[in-house]
Amino acid sequence: ETEIASRDKQIDLIEAAKQAETEAIAVRVSAE
């Protein structure tokens, strides 16, 4: 595909990873 579609999908991937990591950190911080 073109550069624009690649960048959009990669940003979605980064946002998903960031969301998952944030939730894990929030749970860990809450437990601690």
PDB file of all heavy atoms in Angstrom:
ATOM      1  N   GLU A   1       0.842  -1.198   0.000  1.00  0.00           N
ATOM      2  CA  GLU A   1       0.000   0.000   0.000  1.00  0.00           C
ATOM      3  C   GLU A   1       0.874   1.242   0.000  1.00  0.00           C
ATOM      4  O   GLU A   1       2.089   1.176   0.095  1.00  0.00           O
ATOM      5  CB  GLU A   1      -0.928  -0.029   1.222  1.00  0.00           C
ATOM      6  CG  GLU A   1      -1.889  -1.204   1.258  1.00  0.00           C
ATOM      7  CD  GLU A   1      -2.889  -1.197   0.125  1.00  0.00           C
ATOM      8  OE1 GLU A   1      -3.178  -0.104  -0.379  1.00  0.00           O
ATOM      9  OE2 GLU A   1      -3.356  -2.263  -0.264  1.00  0.00           O
ATOM     10  N   THR A   2       0.221   2.353   0.009  1.00  0.00           N
ATOM     11  CA  THR A   2       0.901   3.658  -0.015  1.00  0.00           C
ATOM     12  C   THR A   2       1.361   4.040   1.365  1.00  0.00           C
ATOM     13  O   THR A   2       1.011   3.410   2.362  1.00  0.00           O
ATOM     14  CB  THR A   2      -0.065   4.735  -0.545  1.00  0.00           C
ATOM     15  OG1 THR A   2      -1.184   4.797   0.338  1.00  0.00           O
ATOM     16  CG2 THR A   2      -0.538   4.416  -1.937  1.00  0.00           C
ATOM     17  N   GLU A   3       2.138   5.069   1.443  1.00  0.00           N
ATOM     18  CA  GLU A   3       2.723   5.529   2.705  1.00  0.00           C
ATOM     19  C   GLU A   3       1.661   5.997   3.688  1.00  0.00           C
ATOM     20  O   GLU A   3       1.769   5.766   4.895  1.00  0.00           O
ATOM     21  CB  GLU A   3       3.697   6.685   2.417  1.00  0.00           C
ATOM     22  CG  GLU A   3       4.386   7.234   3.656  1.00  0.00           C
ATOM     23  CD  GLU A   3       5.257   8.410   3.308  1.00  0.00           C
ATOM     24  OE1 GLU A   3       5.305   8.769   2.118  1.00  0.00           O
ATOM     25  OE2 GLU A   3       5.860   8.978   4.231  1.00  0.00           O
ATOM     26  N   ILE A   4       0.593   6.571   3.233  1.00  0.00           N
ATOM     27  CA  ILE A   4      -0.435   7.118   4.137  1.00  0.00           C
ATOM     28  C   ILE A   4      -1.165   6.004   4.860  1.00  0.00           C
ATOM     29  O   ILE A   4      -1.356   6.044   6.080  1.00  0.00           O
ATOM     30  CB  ILE A   4      -1.443   7.972   3.333  1.00  0.00           C
ATOM     31  CG1 ILE A   4      -0.711   9.156   2.701  1.00  0.00           C
ATOM     32  CG2 ILE A   4      -2.576   8.453   4.208  1.00  0.00           C
ATOM     33  CD1 ILE A   4      -1.577   9.967   1.764  1.00  0.00           C
ATOM     34  N   ALA A   5      -1.553   4.922   4.152  1.00  0.00           N
ATOM     35  CA  ALA A   5      -2.265   3.811   4.772  1.00  0.00           C
ATOM     36  C   ALA A   5      -1.363   3.108   5.789  1.00  0.00           C
ATOM     37  O   ALA A   5      -1.800   2.744   6.880  1.00  0.00           O
ATOM     38  CB  ALA A   5      -2.733   2.824   3.703  1.00  0.00           C
ATOM     39  N   SER A   6      -0.072   2.940   5.437  1.00  0.00           N
ATOM     40  CA  SER A   6       0.864   2.298   6.364  1.00  0.00           C
ATOM     41  C   SER A   6       0.988   3.081   7.647  1.00  0.00           C
ATOM     42  O   SER A   6       1.004   2.529   8.747  1.00  0.00           O
ATOM     43  CB  SER A   6       2.218   2.155   5.681  1.00  0.00           C
ATOM     44  OG  SER A   6       3.152   1.673   6.591  1.00  0.00           O
ATOM     45  N   ARG A   7       1.148   4.391   7.542  1.00  0.00           N
ATOM     46  CA  ARG A   7       1.303   5.231   8.734  1.00  0.00           C
ATOM     47  C   ARG A   7       0.062   5.177   9.614  1.00  0.00           C
ATOM     48  O   ARG A   7       0.144   5.108  10.842  1.00  0.00           O
ATOM     49  CB  ARG A   7       1.604   6.680   8.314  1.00  0.00           C
ATOM     50  CG  ARG A   7       1.920   7.575   9.494  1.00  0.00           C
ATOM     51  CD  ARG A   7       2.232   8.990   9.045  1.00  0.00           C
ATOM     52  NE  ARG A   7       3.472   9.005   8.270  1.00  0.00           N
ATOM     53  CZ  ARG A   7       3.540   9.207   6.968  1.00  0.00           C
ATOM     54  NH1 ARG A   7       2.426   9.404   6.271  1.00  0.00           N
ATOM     55  NH2 ARG A   7       4.695   9.207   6.343  1.00  0.00           N
ATOM     56  N   ASP A   8      -1.135   5.214   9.017  1.00  0.00           N
ATOM     57  CA  ASP A   8      -2.374   5.167   9.809  1.00  0.00           C
ATOM     58  C   ASP A   8      -2.492   3.853  10.580  1.00  0.00           C
ATOM     59  O   ASP A   8      -2.834   3.837  11.776  1.00  0.00           O
ATOM     60  CB  ASP A   8      -3.579   5.327   8.877  1.00  0.00           C
ATOM     61  CG  ASP A   8      -3.629   6.740   8.298  1.00  0.00           C
ATOM     62  OD1 ASP A   8      -3.004   7.643   8.921  1.00  0.00           O
ATOM     63  OD2 ASP A   8      -4.267   6.931   7.253  1.00  0.00           O
ATOM     64  N   LYS A   9      -2.219   2.736   9.905  1.00  0.00           N
ATOM     65  CA  LYS A   9      -2.326   1.446  10.576  1.00  0.00           C
ATOM     66  C   LYS A   9      -1.278   1.302  11.687  1.00  0.00           C
ATOM     67  O   LYS A   9      -1.553   0.750  12.748  1.00  0.00           O
ATOM     68  CB  LYS A   9      -2.171   0.316   9.561  1.00  0.00           C
ATOM     69  CG  LYS A   9      -3.355   0.231   8.594  1.00  0.00           C
ATOM     70  CD  LYS A   9      -3.174  -0.907   7.610  1.00  0.00           C
ATOM     71  CE  LYS A   9      -4.362  -0.996   6.632  1.00  0.00           C
ATOM     72  NZ  LYS A   9      -4.220  -2.097   5.661  1.00  0.00           N
ATOM     73  N   GLN A  10      -0.077   1.811  11.432  1.00  0.00           N
ATOM     74  CA  GLN A  10       0.968   1.730  12.454  1.00  0.00           C
ATOM     75  C   GLN A  10       0.610   2.571  13.667  1.00  0.00           C
ATOM     76  O   GLN A  10       0.875   2.194  14.810  1.00  0.00           O
ATOM     77  CB  GLN A  10       2.325   2.192  11.881  1.00  0.00           C
ATOM     78  CG  GLN A  10       3.495   1.944  12.808  1.00  0.00           C
ATOM     79  CD  GLN A  10       3.682   0.478  13.052  1.00  0.00           C
ATOM     80  OE1 GLN A  10       3.436  -0.328  12.173  1.00  0.00           O
ATOM     81  NE2 GLN A  10       4.085   0.120  14.257  1.00  0.00           N
ATOM     82  N   ILE A  11       0.017   3.736  13.439  1.00  0.00           N
ATOM     83  CA  ILE A  11      -0.408   4.586  14.564  1.00  0.00           C
ATOM     84  C   ILE A  11      -1.463   3.868  15.390  1.00  0.00           C
ATOM     85  O   ILE A  11      -1.460   3.917  16.617  1.00  0.00           O
ATOM     86  CB  ILE A  11      -0.925   5.939  14.030  1.00  0.00           C
ATOM     87  CG1 ILE A  11       0.271   6.749  13.466  1.00  0.00           C
ATOM     88  CG2 ILE A  11      -1.634   6.726  15.117  1.00  0.00           C
ATOM     89  CD1 ILE A  11      -0.139   7.996  12.743  1.00  0.00           C
ATOM     90  N   ASP A  12      -2.386   3.190  14.709  1.00  0.00           N
ATOM     91  CA  ASP A  12      -3.403   2.416  15.453  1.00  0.00           C
ATOM     92  C   ASP A  12      -2.749   1.331  16.297  1.00  0.00           C
ATOM     93  O   ASP A  12      -3.146   1.087  17.450  1.00  0.00           O
ATOM     94  CB  ASP A  12      -4.381   1.775  14.456  1.00  0.00           C
ATOM     95  CG  ASP A  12      -5.228   2.848  13.750  1.00  0.00           C
ATOM     96  OD1 ASP A  12      -5.325   3.969  14.315  1.00  0.00           O
ATOM     97  OD2 ASP A  12      -5.749   2.577  12.658  1.00  0.00           O
ATOM     98  N   LEU A  13      -1.716   0.684  15.726  1.00  0.00           N
ATOM     99  CA  LEU A  13      -1.005  -0.342  16.462  1.00  0.00           C
ATOM    100  C   LEU A  13      -0.324   0.233  17.701  1.00  0.00           C
ATOM    101  O   LEU A  13      -0.378  -0.317  18.800  1.00  0.00           O
ATOM    102  CB  LEU A  13       0.045  -1.010  15.552  1.00  0.00           C
ATOM    103  CG  LEU A  13       0.940  -2.071  16.216  1.00  0.00           C
ATOM    104  CD1 LEU A  13       0.110  -3.222  16.725  1.00  0.00           C
ATOM    105  CD2 LEU A  13       1.993  -2.533  15.222  1.00  0.00           C
ATOM    106  N   ILE A  14       0.307   1.360  17.555  1.00  0.00           N
ATOM    107  CA  ILE A  14       0.996   2.009  18.689  1.00  0.00           C
ATOM    108  C   ILE A  14      -0.008   2.410  19.752  1.00  0.00           C
ATOM    109  O   ILE A  14       0.209   2.239  20.951  1.00  0.00           O
ATOM    110  CB  ILE A  14       1.798   3.228  18.179  1.00  0.00           C
ATOM    111  CG1 ILE A  14       2.929   2.741  17.266  1.00  0.00           C
ATOM    112  CG2 ILE A  14       2.364   4.022  19.337  1.00  0.00           C
ATOM    113  CD1 ILE A  14       3.616   3.850  16.518  1.00  0.00           C
ATOM    114  N   GLU A  15      -1.153   2.978  19.324  1.00  0.00           N
ATOM    115  CA  GLU A  15      -2.171   3.388  20.289  1.00  0.00           C
ATOM    116  C   GLU A  15      -2.718   2.185  21.062  1.00  0.00           C
ATOM    117  O   GLU A  15      -2.962   2.256  22.277  1.00  0.00           O
ATOM    118  CB  GLU A  15      -3.311   4.100  19.553  1.00  0.00           C
ATOM    119  CG  GLU A  15      -2.921   5.469  18.994  1.00  0.00           C
ATOM    120  CD  GLU A  15      -2.550   6.442  20.090  1.00  0.00           C
ATOM    121  OE1 GLU A  15      -3.066   6.300  21.212  1.00  0.00           O
ATOM    122  OE2 GLU A  15      -1.743   7.348  19.835  1.00  0.00           O
ATOM    123  N   ALA A  16      -2.907   1.063  20.345  1.00  0.00           N
ATOM    124  CA  ALA A  16      -3.410  -0.133  21.028  1.00  0.00           C
ATOM    125  C   ALA A  16      -2.408  -0.629  22.060  1.00  0.00           C
ATOM    126  O   ALA A  16      -2.760  -0.975  23.198  1.00  0.00           O
ATOM    127  CB  ALA A  16      -3.708  -1.230  20.007  1.00  0.00           C
ATOM    128  N   ALA A  17      -1.120  -0.676  21.676  1.00  0.00           N
ATOM    129  CA  ALA A  17      -0.095  -1.112  22.635  1.00  0.00           C
ATOM    130  C   ALA A  17       0.000  -0.172  23.819  1.00  0.00           C
ATOM    131  O   ALA A  17       0.154  -0.579  24.965  1.00  0.00           O
ATOM    132  CB  ALA A  17       1.265  -1.210  21.921  1.00  0.00           C
ATOM    133  N   LYS A  18      -0.087   1.111  23.535  1.00  0.00           N
ATOM    134  CA  LYS A  18      -0.024   2.102  24.605  1.00  0.00           C
ATOM    135  C   LYS A  18      -1.216   1.937  25.556  1.00  0.00           C
ATOM    136  O   LYS A  18      -1.096   2.041  26.777  1.00  0.00           O
ATOM    137  CB  LYS A  18      -0.002   3.513  23.991  1.00  0.00           C
ATOM    138  CG  LYS A  18       0.236   4.612  25.006  1.00  0.00           C
ATOM    139  CD  LYS A  18       0.095   5.977  24.362  1.00  0.00           C
ATOM    140  CE  LYS A  18       1.144   6.145  23.287  1.00  0.00           C
ATOM    141  NZ  LYS A  18       1.071   7.500  22.685  1.00  0.00           N
ATOM    142  N   GLN A  19      -2.427   1.701  24.996  1.00  0.00           N
ATOM    143  CA  GLN A  19      -3.628   1.533  25.822  1.00  0.00           C
ATOM    144  C   GLN A  19      -3.480   0.312  26.737  1.00  0.00           C
ATOM    145  O   GLN A  19      -3.770   0.368  27.938  1.00  0.00           O
ATOM    146  CB  GLN A  19      -4.855   1.350  24.896  1.00  0.00           C
ATOM    147  CG  GLN A  19      -6.191   1.243  25.632  1.00  0.00           C
ATOM    148  CD  GLN A  19      -6.652   2.579  26.140  1.00  0.00           C
ATOM    149  OE1 GLN A  19      -6.182   3.595  25.665  1.00  0.00           O
ATOM    150  NE2 GLN A  19      -7.533   2.582  27.123  1.00  0.00           N
ATOM    151  N   ALA A  20      -2.969  -0.776  26.156  1.00  0.00           N
ATOM    152  CA  ALA A  20      -2.819  -1.990  26.953  1.00  0.00           C
ATOM    153  C   ALA A  20      -1.784  -1.791  28.056  1.00  0.00           C
ATOM    154  O   ALA A  20      -1.972  -2.195  29.206  1.00  0.00           O
ATOM    155  CB  ALA A  20      -2.415  -3.154  26.052  1.00  0.00           C
ATOM    156  N   GLU A  21      -0.705  -1.167  27.725  1.00  0.00           N
ATOM    157  CA  GLU A  21       0.350  -0.940  28.724  1.00  0.00           C
ATOM    158  C   GLU A  21      -0.134  -0.005  29.815  1.00  0.00           C
ATOM    159  O   GLU A  21       0.151  -0.185  31.002  1.00  0.00           O
ATOM    160  CB  GLU A  21       1.604  -0.370  28.032  1.00  0.00           C
ATOM    161  CG  GLU A  21       2.826  -0.273  28.935  1.00  0.00           C
ATOM    162  CD  GLU A  21       3.312  -1.628  29.330  1.00  0.00           C
ATOM    163  OE1 GLU A  21       3.012  -2.610  28.603  1.00  0.00           O
ATOM    164  OE2 GLU A  21       3.981  -1.733  30.375  1.00  0.00           O
ATOM    165  N   THR A  22      -0.909   1.000  29.450  1.00  0.00           N
ATOM    166  CA  THR A  22      -1.434   1.960  30.440  1.00  0.00           C
ATOM    167  C   THR A  22      -2.376   1.262  31.407  1.00  0.00           C
ATOM    168  O   THR A  22      -2.352   1.495  32.623  1.00  0.00           O
ATOM    169  CB  THR A  22      -2.154   3.109  29.721  1.00  0.00           C
ATOM    170  OG1 THR A  22      -1.230   3.706  28.810  1.00  0.00           O
ATOM    171  CG2 THR A  22      -2.639   4.150  30.708  1.00  0.00           C
ATOM    172  N   GLU A  23      -3.241   0.399  30.870  1.00  0.00           N
ATOM    173  CA  GLU A  23      -4.171  -0.323  31.747  1.00  0.00           C
ATOM    174  C   GLU A  23      -3.409  -1.238  32.708  1.00  0.00           C
ATOM    175  O   GLU A  23      -3.736  -1.311  33.901  1.00  0.00           O
ATOM    176  CB  GLU A  23      -5.133  -1.141  30.889  1.00  0.00           C
ATOM    177  CG  GLU A  23      -6.121  -0.264  30.078  1.00  0.00           C
ATOM    178  CD  GLU A  23      -6.998  -1.112  29.175  1.00  0.00           C
ATOM    179  OE1 GLU A  23      -6.804  -2.347  29.162  1.00  0.00           O
ATOM    180  OE2 GLU A  23      -7.881  -0.536  28.491  1.00  0.00           O
ATOM    181  N   ALA A  24      -2.368  -1.909  32.182  1.00  0.00           N
ATOM    182  CA  ALA A  24      -1.589  -2.794  33.051  1.00  0.00           C
ATOM    183  C   ALA A  24      -0.895  -2.013  34.153  1.00  0.00           C
ATOM    184  O   ALA A  24      -0.856  -2.414  35.310  1.00  0.00           O
ATOM    185  CB  ALA A  24      -0.560  -3.562  32.222  1.00  0.00           C
ATOM    186  N   ILE A  25      -0.349  -0.898  33.789  1.00  0.00           N
ATOM    187  CA  ILE A  25       0.334  -0.052  34.789  1.00  0.00           C
ATOM    188  C   ILE A  25      -0.659   0.452  35.818  1.00  0.00           C
ATOM    189  O   ILE A  25      -0.378   0.505  37.020  1.00  0.00           O
ATOM    190  CB  ILE A  25       1.066   1.100  34.082  1.00  0.00           C
ATOM    191  CG1 ILE A  25       2.211   0.534  33.242  1.00  0.00           C
ATOM    192  CG2 ILE A  25       1.587   2.092  35.085  1.00  0.00           C
ATOM    193  CD1 ILE A  25       2.846   1.548  32.331  1.00  0.00           C
ATOM    194  N   ALA A  26      -1.873   0.839  35.361  1.00  0.00           N
ATOM    195  CA  ALA A  26      -2.887   1.349  36.301  1.00  0.00           C
ATOM    196  C   ALA A  26      -3.282   0.269  37.304  1.00  0.00           C
ATOM    197  O   ALA A  26      -3.403   0.527  38.510  1.00  0.00           O
ATOM    198  CB  ALA A  26      -4.103   1.832  35.523  1.00  0.00           C
ATOM    199  N   VAL A  27      -3.457  -0.948  36.816  1.00  0.00           N
ATOM    200  CA  VAL A  27      -3.822  -2.050  37.715  1.00  0.00           C
ATOM    201  C   VAL A  27      -2.697  -2.300  38.716  1.00  0.00           C
ATOM    202  O   VAL A  27      -2.921  -2.487  39.916  1.00  0.00           O
ATOM    203  CB  VAL A  27      -4.124  -3.323  36.897  1.00  0.00           C
ATOM    204  CG1 VAL A  27      -4.327  -4.511  37.829  1.00  0.00           C
ATOM    205  CG2 VAL A  27      -5.383  -3.107  36.054  1.00  0.00           C
ATOM    206  N   ARG A  28      -1.442  -2.306  38.213  1.00  0.00           N
ATOM    207  CA  ARG A  28      -0.308  -2.556  39.084  1.00  0.00           C
ATOM    208  C   ARG A  28      -0.170  -1.469  40.144  1.00  0.00           C
ATOM    209  O   ARG A  28       0.062  -1.721  41.323  1.00  0.00           O
ATOM    210  CB  ARG A  28       0.983  -2.632  38.241  1.00  0.00           C
ATOM    211  CG  ARG A  28       2.194  -3.098  39.035  1.00  0.00           C
ATOM    212  CD  ARG A  28       3.409  -3.082  38.148  1.00  0.00           C
ATOM    213  NE  ARG A  28       3.143  -3.830  36.922  1.00  0.00           N
ATOM    214  CZ  ARG A  28       3.802  -3.648  35.776  1.00  0.00           C
ATOM    215  NH1 ARG A  28       4.737  -2.733  35.706  1.00  0.00           N
ATOM    216  NH2 ARG A  28       3.511  -4.389  34.708  1.00  0.00           N
ATOM    217  N   VAL A  29      -0.307  -0.244  39.697  1.00  0.00           N
ATOM    218  CA  VAL A  29      -0.195   0.877  40.640  1.00  0.00           C
ATOM    219  C   VAL A  29      -1.316   0.808  41.668  1.00  0.00           C
ATOM    220  O   VAL A  29      -1.129   1.066  42.858  1.00  0.00           O
ATOM    221  CB  VAL A  29      -0.225   2.211  39.875  1.00  0.00           C
ATOM    222  CG1 VAL A  29      -0.330   3.378  40.833  1.00  0.00           C
ATOM    223  CG2 VAL A  29       1.016   2.335  39.019  1.00  0.00           C
ATOM    224  N   SER A  30      -2.514   0.451  41.238  1.00  0.00           N
ATOM    225  CA  SER A  30      -3.648   0.346  42.170  1.00  0.00           C
ATOM    226  C   SER A  30      -3.395  -0.736  43.214  1.00  0.00           C
ATOM    227  O   SER A  30      -3.627  -0.544  44.411  1.00  0.00           O
ATOM    228  CB  SER A  30      -4.930   0.032  41.387  1.00  0.00           C
ATOM    229  OG  SER A  30      -6.020  -0.154  42.268  1.00  0.00           O
ATOM    230  N   ALA A  31      -2.870  -1.902  42.759  1.00  0.00           N
ATOM    231  CA  ALA A  31      -2.585  -2.983  43.703  1.00  0.00           C
ATOM    232  C   ALA A  31      -1.509  -2.576  44.707  1.00  0.00           C
ATOM    233  O   ALA A  31      -1.621  -2.831  45.910  1.00  0.00           O
ATOM    234  CB  ALA A  31      -2.148  -4.231  42.938  1.00  0.00           C
ATOM    235  N   GLU A  32      -0.464  -1.938  44.206  1.00  0.00           N
ATOM    236  CA  GLU A  32       0.596  -1.501  45.100  1.00  0.00           C
ATOM    237  C   GLU A  32       0.092  -0.442  46.061  1.00  0.00           C
ATOM    238  O   GLU A  32       0.495  -0.386  47.230  1.00  0.00           O
ATOM    239  CB  GLU A  32       1.780  -0.958  44.279  1.00  0.00           C
ATOM    240  CG  GLU A  32       2.498  -1.993  43.436  1.00  0.00           C
ATOM    241  CD  GLU A  32       3.209  -3.007  44.303  1.00  0.00           C
ATOM    242  OE1 GLU A  32       3.537  -2.688  45.454  1.00  0.00           O
ATOM    243  OE2 GLU A  32       3.411  -4.148  43.830  1.00  0.00           O
TER     244      GLU A  32
END
